[in-house]
Amino acid sequence: MNPPLPVLSGPQVDLIDHTPFPLETLYAFWHASRTDAPALTAREIQGAYRSSVMGYETADRFWVGKRVNASEPFHVYFDREVNQIAALDFPLKEAIVFSFTFSNVSITWREQAVRQRRATPWSQTSRTRDLANFVDNGWYEEPAAVRANKRTHQKFLDVINDIQEFYRTCREEGIHPEDARCLQPTCQTHRISFAYNARVLEMTMEDRLCFIAQSELWAPVIRQIREHVLRIDHRLAVLFHPPCVKNGRYRYCPVEHENQRRMDGRDPMGPCPLWAMNEGVDWVTVPLRANAEQQYGNMHRLWPDGVSDPVNDYLMEAEERIQEHTLGA
């Protein structure tokens, strides 16, 4: 008898493969395109980098072009070059590939991930998985807002248990699984794999690290992707930033219209504090502040180092002003 499958709590991300030396591969492409010197392999570049860190001289052939500073170690030069290259939207970043398997993700999440039409997906379909016990096995995801309300939580459980029972009845009557699953809920979880190149991964993270994106669905997934990628090379943190931030600096808000909608009440969510701060908006006057601050709490920890610090100060100053006004009244 097969042991019961483990019940996962939330999405689980596994890194199943990756380009062995990602930034060295990026540099090798760059070096080959900018010089007539013999092509370097990523492993050779990694060896030169390690030797440089240990204090050994590195041959001139590892530099791109003439060495401007003869005393500069290769590893210092390399770090500066790859950071500048990685910050650009260059097609050569497509040479770096990461393959992930996402387990216990909902159909709702899959539909968002797939419709971007960027990475290469391969999904576990519901015809390959026995749904007769999907509730009993915990193969579903309940939105936090539904779970927080006692009445809606109970109704949610009643409905998905009815769906499970319907599926069982259909199978007992000999109905094919593809027809029995007709009431399959979008909260039902499954497994899907994606192969991302570094350029696509960065674009995807840009979309989903935005404050406006659905953080409840994406934050736990992004957190695990980031942990896997930074274990490969901590310098790959350059790939993880919201669309308004580049090289640690705020540029502009690509979804400013959404923030405007939230400011004038057309959208029942609060605006992005990062946008508000950079637009000179007085946070005390912002509608739905508590809503926005709760969402910000989920997202800002995934942003690049330093980006959240001035926003935190901005929110704290507003809170102090509100308390002073309350006490004064």
Protein backbone atom coordinates (compact mmCIF):
# COMPACT_ATOMS: atom_id res chain seq x y z
CA MET A 1 0.00 0.00 0.00
CA ASN A 2 1.39 3.41 -1.00
CA PRO A 3 1.95 5.88 1.86
CA PRO A 4 -0.28 8.99 1.84
CA LEU A 5 1.10 11.97 -0.07
CA PRO A 6 2.40 14.83 2.10
CA VAL A 7 0.08 17.81 2.49
CA LEU A 8 2.01 20.93 1.52
CA SER A 9 1.33 24.26 3.16
CA GLY A 10 1.45 26.92 0.48
CA PRO A 11 3.41 26.90 -2.78
CA GLN A 12 6.71 25.04 -2.94
CA VAL A 13 9.40 26.02 -5.44
CA ASP A 14 12.21 23.65 -6.41
CA LEU A 15 15.15 24.56 -8.63
CA ILE A 16 15.69 21.54 -10.89
CA ASP A 17 18.47 22.87 -13.13
CA HIS A 18 20.36 26.02 -14.07
CA THR A 19 23.24 27.35 -16.15
CA PRO A 20 26.28 26.27 -14.07
CA PHE A 21 28.14 29.61 -14.14
CA PRO A 22 25.50 32.23 -14.96
CA LEU A 23 27.42 35.51 -14.66
CA GLU A 24 30.58 33.97 -16.10
CA THR A 25 28.49 32.85 -19.08
CA LEU A 26 27.14 36.38 -19.45
CA TYR A 27 30.68 37.77 -19.38
CA ALA A 28 31.89 35.16 -21.88
CA PHE A 29 29.24 36.30 -24.37
CA TRP A 30 30.16 39.93 -23.76
CA HIS A 31 33.89 39.24 -24.08
CA ALA A 32 33.41 37.32 -27.36
CA SER A 33 31.35 40.14 -28.86
CA ARG A 34 33.74 42.96 -27.89
CA THR A 35 37.15 41.46 -28.66
CA ASP A 36 39.01 39.42 -31.28
CA ALA A 37 40.75 37.42 -28.57
CA PRO A 38 40.19 33.65 -28.29
CA ALA A 39 36.82 32.80 -26.78
CA LEU A 40 36.79 32.21 -23.04
CA THR A 41 34.77 29.50 -21.34
CA ALA A 42 32.65 30.25 -18.30
CA ARG A 43 34.76 27.81 -16.25
CA GLU A 44 37.98 29.60 -17.28
CA ILE A 45 36.50 32.92 -16.22
CA GLN A 46 35.44 31.50 -12.87
CA GLY A 47 38.98 30.19 -12.34
CA ALA A 48 40.47 33.58 -13.17
CA TYR A 49 38.04 35.27 -10.78
CA ARG A 50 38.93 32.95 -7.91
CA SER A 51 42.64 33.39 -8.54
CA SER A 52 42.22 37.15 -8.52
CA VAL A 53 40.37 37.03 -5.19
CA MET A 54 43.33 35.07 -3.79
CA GLY A 55 45.68 37.82 -4.94
CA TYR A 56 47.12 36.29 -8.12
CA GLU A 57 47.62 38.28 -11.33
CA THR A 58 45.16 37.54 -14.16
CA ALA A 59 46.23 37.46 -17.81
CA ASP A 60 45.28 40.46 -19.94
CA ARG A 61 43.20 38.25 -22.23
CA PHE A 62 40.47 38.08 -19.57
CA TRP A 63 39.77 41.81 -19.81
CA VAL A 64 37.51 43.34 -22.44
CA GLY A 65 39.67 45.91 -24.19
CA LYS A 66 42.67 47.71 -22.77
CA ARG A 67 43.21 47.69 -19.00
CA VAL A 68 42.67 51.29 -17.92
CA ASN A 69 43.83 50.66 -14.37
CA ALA A 70 46.79 48.29 -14.40
CA SER A 71 46.60 47.73 -10.65
CA GLU A 72 42.91 46.82 -10.57
CA PRO A 73 42.32 43.13 -9.73
CA PHE A 74 40.31 41.14 -12.24
CA HIS A 75 37.57 40.21 -9.75
CA VAL A 76 36.88 43.89 -9.00
CA TYR A 77 36.71 44.66 -12.73
CA PHE A 78 34.52 41.60 -13.39
CA ASP A 79 31.99 42.51 -10.69
CA ARG A 80 31.63 46.02 -12.04
CA GLU A 81 31.25 44.83 -15.66
CA VAL A 82 28.67 42.12 -15.04
CA ASN A 83 26.61 44.37 -12.78
CA GLN A 84 26.46 46.99 -15.51
CA ILE A 85 25.62 44.41 -18.18
CA ALA A 86 23.02 42.64 -16.02
CA ALA A 87 21.28 45.96 -15.35
CA LEU A 88 20.65 46.39 -19.09
CA ASP A 89 17.83 44.79 -21.06
CA PHE A 90 20.21 42.80 -23.26
CA PRO A 91 19.20 39.70 -25.25
CA LEU A 92 22.45 38.02 -24.16
CA LYS A 93 20.83 37.47 -20.75
CA GLU A 94 18.76 34.81 -22.52
CA ALA A 95 21.87 32.59 -22.43
CA ILE A 96 21.29 32.04 -18.69
CA VAL A 97 18.53 29.56 -17.89
CA PHE A 98 16.83 28.52 -14.64
CA SER A 99 14.33 25.64 -14.50
CA PHE A 100 11.86 25.47 -11.62
CA THR A 101 9.09 23.16 -10.52
CA PHE A 102 6.21 24.81 -8.66
CA SER A 103 4.20 22.44 -6.47
CA ASN A 104 0.96 23.11 -4.62
CA VAL A 105 0.14 26.15 -6.76
CA SER A 106 -3.45 26.96 -7.60
CA ILE A 107 -4.99 27.00 -11.05
CA THR A 108 -5.56 30.73 -10.42
CA TRP A 109 -1.80 31.24 -10.07
CA ARG A 110 -1.08 29.08 -13.11
CA GLU A 111 -3.41 31.11 -15.30
CA GLN A 112 -1.57 34.30 -14.34
CA ALA A 113 1.86 32.76 -14.85
CA VAL A 114 1.04 31.17 -18.22
CA ARG A 115 -0.75 34.11 -19.79
CA GLN A 116 2.46 36.18 -19.71
CA ARG A 117 3.63 33.85 -22.52
CA ARG A 118 7.28 34.19 -21.64
CA ALA A 119 8.70 31.11 -19.95
CA THR A 120 8.38 27.53 -21.19
CA PRO A 121 5.76 25.74 -19.05
CA TRP A 122 4.85 22.09 -18.65
CA SER A 123 1.91 21.38 -16.38
CA GLN A 124 0.61 18.44 -14.41
CA THR A 125 -2.95 18.17 -15.71
CA SER A 126 -5.97 17.18 -13.67
CA ARG A 127 -6.46 14.08 -15.82
CA THR A 128 -3.15 12.73 -14.51
CA ARG A 129 -4.06 13.37 -10.89
CA ASP A 130 -6.82 11.61 -8.99
CA LEU A 131 -9.15 14.37 -7.77
CA ALA A 132 -11.33 12.01 -5.75
CA ASN A 133 -9.56 13.17 -2.57
CA PHE A 134 -8.33 16.66 -3.51
CA VAL A 135 -9.99 18.21 -0.45
CA ASP A 136 -8.96 15.41 1.93
CA ASN A 137 -5.36 15.70 0.68
CA GLY A 138 -5.31 19.48 1.10
CA TRP A 139 -4.88 20.09 -2.65
CA TYR A 140 -6.59 23.46 -2.58
CA GLU A 141 -5.85 27.04 -1.64
CA GLU A 142 -8.25 29.21 0.34
CA PRO A 143 -7.87 33.00 -0.05
CA ALA A 144 -6.93 34.68 3.22
CA ALA A 145 -9.88 37.08 2.98
CA VAL A 146 -12.32 34.15 2.71
CA ARG A 147 -10.63 32.24 5.53
CA ALA A 148 -10.76 35.27 7.84
CA ASN A 149 -14.56 35.38 7.71
CA LYS A 150 -16.16 32.53 9.67
CA ARG A 151 -19.28 32.35 7.49
CA THR A 152 -17.51 32.51 4.11
CA HIS A 153 -14.88 30.05 5.33
CA GLN A 154 -17.52 27.46 6.19
CA LYS A 155 -19.35 28.05 2.90
CA PHE A 156 -16.07 27.61 1.02
CA LEU A 157 -15.44 24.26 2.73
CA ASP A 158 -19.00 23.10 2.03
CA VAL A 159 -18.69 23.92 -1.67
CA ILE A 160 -15.33 22.25 -2.31
CA ASN A 161 -16.43 19.15 -0.40
CA ASP A 162 -19.54 19.01 -2.60
CA ILE A 163 -17.29 19.22 -5.67
CA GLN A 164 -15.13 16.39 -4.36
CA GLU A 165 -18.23 14.26 -3.78
CA PHE A 166 -19.54 15.08 -7.28
CA TYR A 167 -16.24 13.93 -8.80
CA ARG A 168 -16.36 10.67 -6.84
CA THR A 169 -19.94 10.02 -7.94
CA CYS A 170 -19.06 10.63 -11.59
CA ARG A 171 -16.14 8.21 -11.44
CA GLU A 172 -18.31 5.57 -9.73
CA GLU A 173 -20.79 5.94 -12.60
CA GLY A 174 -18.03 5.32 -15.12
CA ILE A 175 -17.77 8.91 -16.35
CA HIS A 176 -14.34 9.70 -17.83
CA PRO A 177 -12.04 11.85 -15.61
CA GLU A 178 -11.97 14.64 -18.21
CA ASP A 179 -15.76 14.98 -17.88
CA ALA A 180 -15.89 14.30 -14.14
CA ARG A 181 -13.62 17.29 -13.50
CA CYS A 182 -16.07 19.77 -15.07
CA LEU A 183 -16.67 21.43 -11.67
CA GLN A 184 -12.97 21.60 -10.85
CA PRO A 185 -12.40 24.81 -8.79
CA THR A 186 -9.63 27.27 -9.65
CA CYS A 187 -8.44 27.03 -6.04
CA GLN A 188 -7.41 23.39 -6.64
CA THR A 189 -3.63 23.02 -6.56
CA HIS A 190 -1.27 21.05 -8.76
CA ARG A 191 2.30 21.13 -10.09
CA ILE A 192 3.79 23.00 -13.05
CA SER A 193 7.37 23.46 -14.28
CA PHE A 194 8.84 26.53 -15.98
CA ALA A 195 12.14 27.19 -17.73
CA TYR A 196 13.07 30.88 -17.47
CA ASN A 197 16.01 32.58 -19.09
CA ALA A 198 17.44 35.43 -17.01
CA ARG A 199 15.90 38.12 -19.19
CA VAL A 200 12.42 36.62 -18.90
CA LEU A 201 12.86 35.95 -15.18
CA GLU A 202 13.73 39.61 -14.62
CA MET A 203 10.72 40.78 -16.67
CA THR A 204 8.43 38.44 -14.71
CA MET A 205 9.82 39.62 -11.38
CA GLU A 206 9.37 43.24 -12.49
CA ASP A 207 5.69 42.59 -13.12
CA ARG A 208 5.08 40.73 -9.88
CA LEU A 209 7.26 42.76 -7.51
CA CYS A 210 5.11 45.78 -8.34
CA PHE A 211 2.95 46.92 -5.45
CA ILE A 212 -0.11 46.84 -7.73
CA ALA A 213 0.35 43.11 -8.50
CA GLN A 214 -1.41 40.36 -6.53
CA SER A 215 1.10 39.93 -3.71
CA GLU A 216 -0.89 37.27 -1.87
CA LEU A 217 -0.51 34.89 -4.83
CA TRP A 218 3.02 35.80 -5.88
CA ALA A 219 4.98 36.81 -2.76
CA PRO A 220 5.59 33.25 -1.42
CA VAL A 221 6.62 32.08 -4.90
CA ILE A 222 8.96 35.01 -5.56
CA ARG A 223 10.56 34.64 -2.12
CA GLN A 224 11.55 31.04 -2.89
CA ILE A 225 12.69 31.79 -6.45
CA ARG A 226 14.91 34.56 -5.11
CA GLU A 227 16.41 32.31 -2.43
CA HIS A 228 17.28 29.63 -5.00
CA VAL A 229 18.81 32.09 -7.47
CA LEU A 230 20.88 33.94 -4.86
CA ARG A 231 22.28 30.64 -3.60
CA ILE A 232 23.71 30.16 -7.09
CA ASP A 233 25.27 33.64 -7.08
CA HIS A 234 24.37 36.49 -4.72
CA ARG A 235 25.13 39.00 -7.49
CA LEU A 236 22.02 37.79 -9.36
CA ALA A 237 20.00 39.94 -6.94
CA VAL A 238 20.16 42.53 -9.72
CA LEU A 239 17.35 40.59 -11.46
CA PHE A 240 14.86 41.19 -8.63
CA HIS A 241 13.32 44.65 -8.56
CA PRO A 242 9.93 46.27 -9.19
CA PRO A 243 9.47 47.97 -12.59
CA CYS A 244 9.84 51.46 -11.11
CA VAL A 245 13.29 50.74 -9.64
CA LYS A 246 16.54 50.21 -11.53
CA ASN A 247 19.99 50.04 -9.98
CA GLY A 248 18.39 50.77 -6.61
CA ARG A 249 16.83 54.05 -7.76
CA TYR A 250 13.22 55.03 -8.37
CA ARG A 251 12.63 55.95 -12.04
CA TYR A 252 8.90 56.32 -12.71
CA CYS A 253 5.67 54.43 -12.11
CA PRO A 254 4.59 52.44 -15.20
CA VAL A 255 1.09 51.99 -13.72
CA GLU A 256 0.57 55.52 -12.45
CA HIS A 257 -3.02 55.46 -13.72
CA GLU A 258 -3.76 52.65 -11.24
CA ASN A 259 -2.47 54.72 -8.35
CA GLN A 260 -4.55 57.68 -9.52
CA ARG A 261 -7.62 55.44 -9.57
CA ARG A 262 -6.88 54.42 -6.00
CA MET A 263 -6.43 58.02 -4.93
CA ASP A 264 -9.78 59.21 -6.29
CA GLY A 265 -11.80 56.20 -5.13
CA ARG A 266 -12.37 54.42 -8.44
CA ASP A 267 -10.38 51.43 -7.13
CA PRO A 268 -11.11 50.16 -3.59
CA MET A 269 -7.43 49.53 -2.83
CA GLY A 270 -4.82 51.86 -1.39
CA PRO A 271 -2.08 53.43 -3.60
CA CYS A 272 1.57 52.41 -3.60
CA PRO A 273 3.54 54.20 -0.82
CA LEU A 274 6.66 54.27 -3.02
CA TRP A 275 4.74 56.11 -5.72
CA ALA A 276 3.08 58.43 -3.20
CA MET A 277 6.40 59.36 -1.59
CA ASN A 278 8.08 60.13 -4.92
CA GLU A 279 5.06 62.14 -6.10
CA GLY A 280 5.16 64.26 -2.94
CA VAL A 281 1.77 63.01 -1.73
CA ASP A 282 1.02 63.62 1.94
CA TRP A 283 0.38 60.08 3.21
CA VAL A 284 -1.91 61.40 5.94
CA THR A 285 -4.39 62.45 3.22
CA VAL A 286 -4.32 59.11 1.37
CA PRO A 287 -7.56 57.08 1.41
CA LEU A 288 -7.42 53.44 2.53
CA ARG A 289 -4.02 53.89 4.17
CA ALA A 290 -4.34 50.77 6.34
CA ASN A 291 -5.16 48.66 3.29
CA ALA A 292 -2.13 49.97 1.41
CA GLU A 293 0.22 49.55 4.39
CA GLN A 294 -0.85 45.93 4.84
CA GLN A 295 -0.11 45.17 1.19
CA TYR A 296 3.18 47.08 1.42
CA GLY A 297 4.13 44.90 4.39
CA ASN A 298 3.87 41.83 2.16
CA MET A 299 5.91 43.28 -0.69
CA HIS A 300 8.65 45.60 0.49
CA ARG A 301 10.80 42.82 1.97
CA LEU A 302 11.26 41.45 -1.55
CA TRP A 303 12.46 44.77 -2.97
CA PRO A 304 16.18 45.60 -3.44
CA ASP A 305 18.21 46.71 -0.44
CA GLY A 306 17.75 50.36 0.41
CA VAL A 307 14.58 50.95 -1.63
CA SER A 308 12.25 50.44 1.34
CA ASP A 309 14.21 52.53 3.86
CA PRO A 310 12.95 56.00 2.82
CA VAL A 311 9.42 54.61 2.35
CA ASN A 312 9.47 53.19 5.89
CA ASP A 313 10.53 56.61 7.21
CA TYR A 314 7.78 58.27 5.16
CA LEU A 315 5.09 55.97 6.60
CA MET A 316 6.44 56.31 10.15
CA GLU A 317 6.42 60.10 9.92
CA ALA A 318 2.79 60.03 8.77
CA GLU A 319 1.87 57.70 11.64
CA GLU A 320 3.51 60.03 14.17
CA ARG A 321 1.58 63.00 12.76
CA ILE A 322 -1.69 61.07 12.98
CA GLN A 323 -1.00 60.11 16.62
CA GLU A 324 -0.07 63.68 17.52
CA HIS A 325 -3.29 64.95 15.97
CA THR A 326 -5.34 62.28 17.81
CA LEU A 327 -3.73 63.08 21.17
CA GLY A 328 -4.10 66.80 20.57
CA ALA A 329 -7.78 66.39 19.88
